[in-house]
Amino acid sequence: MQEVTKITNRTATAASGEKISILAFAGDISSTSKEAILAAYHNVNNSTPKILLDFTGIDYINSSGIAIIIQMLLEANKSASGTIGIFGLSPHFKKVFTMVGIQKYAKLYSDESEALKEE
């Protein structure tokens, strides 16, 4: 049985001084995660133009979960108001995200400090 996706939202300050929202995921990301992930994205998208997705707490992502992340990134790209970065991917998921072309829509960072320096 897959663990339910938990999402927490916090704000950080980038090196530029700009506020950035961080959505931290924990558990598994699968088809059952869709409503929670998109709702969290829509809520935070209204508050800051830059969002970081923290995957350090993710145990498992299946193909449906990747499709949900891509859907969110496509929505973000349509609204030219904001950008999304991703950090905390395991080496395996970093390879998978690269193979499916996530980097066309979001920049991948090794960790939070690197992301905050560049955003």
C-alpha atoms as a PDB file:
ATOM      1  CA  MET A   1       0.000   0.000   0.000  1.00  0.00           C
ATOM      2  CA  GLN A   2       1.314   3.415  -0.973  1.00  0.00           C
ATOM      3  CA  GLU A   3       1.854   6.095   1.608  1.00  0.00           C
ATOM      4  CA  VAL A   4      -0.306   9.192   1.272  1.00  0.00           C
ATOM      5  CA  THR A   5       1.459  12.255  -0.095  1.00  0.00           C
ATOM      6  CA  LYS A   6       2.003  14.893   2.562  1.00  0.00           C
ATOM      7  CA  ILE A   7       2.636  18.457   1.430  1.00  0.00           C
ATOM      8  CA  THR A   8       3.877  21.290   3.599  1.00  0.00           C
ATOM      9  CA  ASN A   9       4.276  24.870   2.486  1.00  0.00           C
ATOM     10  CA  ARG A  10       6.842  27.303   3.806  1.00  0.00           C
ATOM     11  CA  THR A  11       8.497  30.484   2.639  1.00  0.00           C
ATOM     12  CA  ALA A  12      12.218  31.091   2.238  1.00  0.00           C
ATOM     13  CA  THR A  13      14.267  34.059   1.080  1.00  0.00           C
ATOM     14  CA  ALA A  14      16.452  33.790  -1.993  1.00  0.00           C
ATOM     15  CA  ALA A  15      19.910  35.323  -2.209  1.00  0.00           C
ATOM     16  CA  SER A  16      18.275  38.152  -4.185  1.00  0.00           C
ATOM     17  CA  GLY A  17      16.025  38.926  -1.191  1.00  0.00           C
ATOM     18  CA  GLU A  18      12.930  37.696  -3.018  1.00  0.00           C
ATOM     19  CA  LYS A  19      10.427  35.521  -1.163  1.00  0.00           C
ATOM     20  CA  ILE A  20      10.075  31.993  -2.513  1.00  0.00           C
ATOM     21  CA  SER A  21       7.440  29.414  -1.607  1.00  0.00           C
ATOM     22  CA  ILE A  22       8.647  25.894  -0.982  1.00  0.00           C
ATOM     23  CA  LEU A  23       6.295  22.953  -1.334  1.00  0.00           C
ATOM     24  CA  ALA A  24       7.836  20.007   0.501  1.00  0.00           C
ATOM     25  CA  PHE A  25       6.505  16.592  -0.452  1.00  0.00           C
ATOM     26  CA  ALA A  26       6.728  13.498   1.748  1.00  0.00           C
ATOM     27  CA  GLY A  27       5.609   9.919   1.190  1.00  0.00           C
ATOM     28  CA  ASP A  28       4.680   8.646  -2.249  1.00  0.00           C
ATOM     29  CA  ILE A  29       3.484  10.490  -5.349  1.00  0.00           C
ATOM     30  CA  SER A  30       0.986   8.561  -7.451  1.00  0.00           C
ATOM     31  CA  SER A  31      -2.394   9.047  -9.121  1.00  0.00           C
ATOM     32  CA  THR A  32      -4.031   9.462  -5.692  1.00  0.00           C
ATOM     33  CA  SER A  33      -1.829  12.537  -5.097  1.00  0.00           C
ATOM     34  CA  LYS A  34      -3.264  14.619  -7.928  1.00  0.00           C
ATOM     35  CA  GLU A  35      -5.843  16.695  -6.045  1.00  0.00           C
ATOM     36  CA  ALA A  36      -3.536  17.430  -3.109  1.00  0.00           C
ATOM     37  CA  ILE A  37      -0.582  18.436  -5.296  1.00  0.00           C
ATOM     38  CA  LEU A  38      -2.548  20.635  -7.688  1.00  0.00           C
ATOM     39  CA  ALA A  39      -4.461  22.284  -4.819  1.00  0.00           C
ATOM     40  CA  ALA A  40      -1.195  23.021  -2.988  1.00  0.00           C
ATOM     41  CA  TYR A  41       0.306  24.453  -6.182  1.00  0.00           C
ATOM     42  CA  HIS A  42      -2.726  26.660  -6.883  1.00  0.00           C
ATOM     43  CA  ASN A  43      -2.760  27.963  -3.307  1.00  0.00           C
ATOM     44  CA  VAL A  44       0.917  28.853  -3.277  1.00  0.00           C
ATOM     45  CA  ASN A  45       1.002  30.135  -6.863  1.00  0.00           C
ATOM     46  CA  ASN A  46      -1.176  33.058  -5.793  1.00  0.00           C
ATOM     47  CA  SER A  47       1.241  34.147  -3.076  1.00  0.00           C
ATOM     48  CA  THR A  48       4.722  34.107  -4.679  1.00  0.00           C
ATOM     49  CA  PRO A  49       5.880  34.055  -8.293  1.00  0.00           C
ATOM     50  CA  LYS A  50       8.720  31.616  -7.562  1.00  0.00           C
ATOM     51  CA  ILE A  51       8.157  28.139  -6.189  1.00  0.00           C
ATOM     52  CA  LEU A  52      10.577  25.411  -5.215  1.00  0.00           C
ATOM     53  CA  LEU A  53       9.484  21.791  -5.006  1.00  0.00           C
ATOM     54  CA  ASP A  54      11.283  19.836  -2.289  1.00  0.00           C
ATOM     55  CA  PHE A  55      11.440  16.095  -2.982  1.00  0.00           C
ATOM     56  CA  THR A  56      13.779  15.143  -0.107  1.00  0.00           C
ATOM     57  CA  GLY A  57      10.931  13.404   1.733  1.00  0.00           C
ATOM     58  CA  ILE A  58       9.687  11.369  -1.226  1.00  0.00           C
ATOM     59  CA  ASP A  59       9.993   7.597  -1.040  1.00  0.00           C
ATOM     60  CA  TYR A  60       8.368   6.673  -4.347  1.00  0.00           C
ATOM     61  CA  ILE A  61       7.064   8.301  -7.526  1.00  0.00           C
ATOM     62  CA  ASN A  62       5.314   6.245 -10.180  1.00  0.00           C
ATOM     63  CA  SER A  63       4.545   7.233 -13.780  1.00  0.00           C
ATOM     64  CA  SER A  64       1.182   8.725 -12.760  1.00  0.00           C
ATOM     65  CA  GLY A  65       2.966  10.838 -10.169  1.00  0.00           C
ATOM     66  CA  ILE A  66       5.445  12.089 -12.749  1.00  0.00           C
ATOM     67  CA  ALA A  67       2.530  12.968 -15.038  1.00  0.00           C
ATOM     68  CA  ILE A  68       0.977  15.061 -12.220  1.00  0.00           C
ATOM     69  CA  ILE A  69       4.259  16.934 -11.706  1.00  0.00           C
ATOM     70  CA  ILE A  70       4.474  17.569 -15.458  1.00  0.00           C
ATOM     71  CA  GLN A  71       0.870  18.822 -15.485  1.00  0.00           C
ATOM     72  CA  MET A  72       1.712  21.277 -12.699  1.00  0.00           C
ATOM     73  CA  LEU A  73       4.839  22.459 -14.534  1.00  0.00           C
ATOM     74  CA  LEU A  74       2.890  22.945 -17.771  1.00  0.00           C
ATOM     75  CA  GLU A  75       0.336  25.076 -15.897  1.00  0.00           C
ATOM     76  CA  ALA A  76       3.165  27.125 -14.405  1.00  0.00           C
ATOM     77  CA  ASN A  77       4.726  27.680 -17.832  1.00  0.00           C
ATOM     78  CA  LYS A  78       1.395  28.834 -19.288  1.00  0.00           C
ATOM     79  CA  SER A  79       1.147  31.524 -16.639  1.00  0.00           C
ATOM     80  CA  ALA A  80       4.328  33.412 -17.369  1.00  0.00           C
ATOM     81  CA  SER A  81       4.121  35.000 -13.928  1.00  0.00           C
ATOM     82  CA  GLY A  82       6.247  32.462 -12.083  1.00  0.00           C
ATOM     83  CA  THR A  83       9.000  29.899 -12.180  1.00  0.00           C
ATOM     84  CA  ILE A  84       9.473  26.529 -10.533  1.00  0.00           C
ATOM     85  CA  GLY A  85      12.659  24.853  -9.367  1.00  0.00           C
ATOM     86  CA  ILE A  86      13.091  21.333  -8.017  1.00  0.00           C
ATOM     87  CA  PHE A  87      15.539  20.024  -5.444  1.00  0.00           C
ATOM     88  CA  GLY A  88      16.057  17.005  -3.225  1.00  0.00           C
ATOM     89  CA  LEU A  89      15.666  14.325  -5.877  1.00  0.00           C
ATOM     90  CA  SER A  90      17.405  11.017  -5.276  1.00  0.00           C
ATOM     91  CA  PRO A  91      19.935  10.125  -8.008  1.00  0.00           C
ATOM     92  CA  HIS A  92      17.399   7.673  -9.459  1.00  0.00           C
ATOM     93  CA  PHE A  93      14.562  10.220  -9.667  1.00  0.00           C
ATOM     94  CA  LYS A  94      16.927  12.906 -10.973  1.00  0.00           C
ATOM     95  CA  LYS A  95      17.794  10.546 -13.831  1.00  0.00           C
ATOM     96  CA  VAL A  96      14.102   9.765 -14.462  1.00  0.00           C
ATOM     97  CA  PHE A  97      13.122  13.463 -14.399  1.00  0.00           C
ATOM     98  CA  THR A  98      15.943  14.246 -16.838  1.00  0.00           C
ATOM     99  CA  MET A  99      14.888  11.389 -19.154  1.00  0.00           C
ATOM    100  CA  VAL A 100      11.266  12.610 -19.321  1.00  0.00           C
ATOM    101  CA  GLY A 101      12.334  16.197 -20.041  1.00  0.00           C
ATOM    102  CA  ILE A 102      11.322  17.929 -16.800  1.00  0.00           C
ATOM    103  CA  GLN A 103      14.273  20.298 -17.250  1.00  0.00           C
ATOM    104  CA  LYS A 104      12.399  21.989 -20.105  1.00  0.00           C
ATOM    105  CA  TYR A 105       9.947  23.286 -17.502  1.00  0.00           C
ATOM    106  CA  ALA A 106      11.864  23.474 -14.215  1.00  0.00           C
ATOM    107  CA  LYS A 107      15.462  23.802 -13.159  1.00  0.00           C
ATOM    108  CA  LEU A 108      16.861  20.924 -11.096  1.00  0.00           C
ATOM    109  CA  TYR A 109      19.042  21.761  -8.096  1.00  0.00           C
ATOM    110  CA  SER A 110      21.016  19.448  -5.857  1.00  0.00           C
ATOM    111  CA  ASP A 111      19.726  21.004  -2.625  1.00  0.00           C
ATOM    112  CA  GLU A 112      17.813  23.918  -1.133  1.00  0.00           C
ATOM    113  CA  SER A 113      20.826  26.162  -0.572  1.00  0.00           C
ATOM    114  CA  GLU A 114      21.854  25.886  -4.237  1.00  0.00           C
ATOM    115  CA  ALA A 115      18.285  26.663  -5.327  1.00  0.00           C
ATOM    116  CA  LEU A 116      18.031  29.720  -3.081  1.00  0.00           C
ATOM    117  CA  LYS A 117      21.374  31.063  -4.370  1.00  0.00           C
ATOM    118  CA  GLU A 118      20.224  30.911  -7.984  1.00  0.00           C
ATOM    119  CA  GLU A 119      16.548  31.828  -7.761  1.00  0.00           C
END
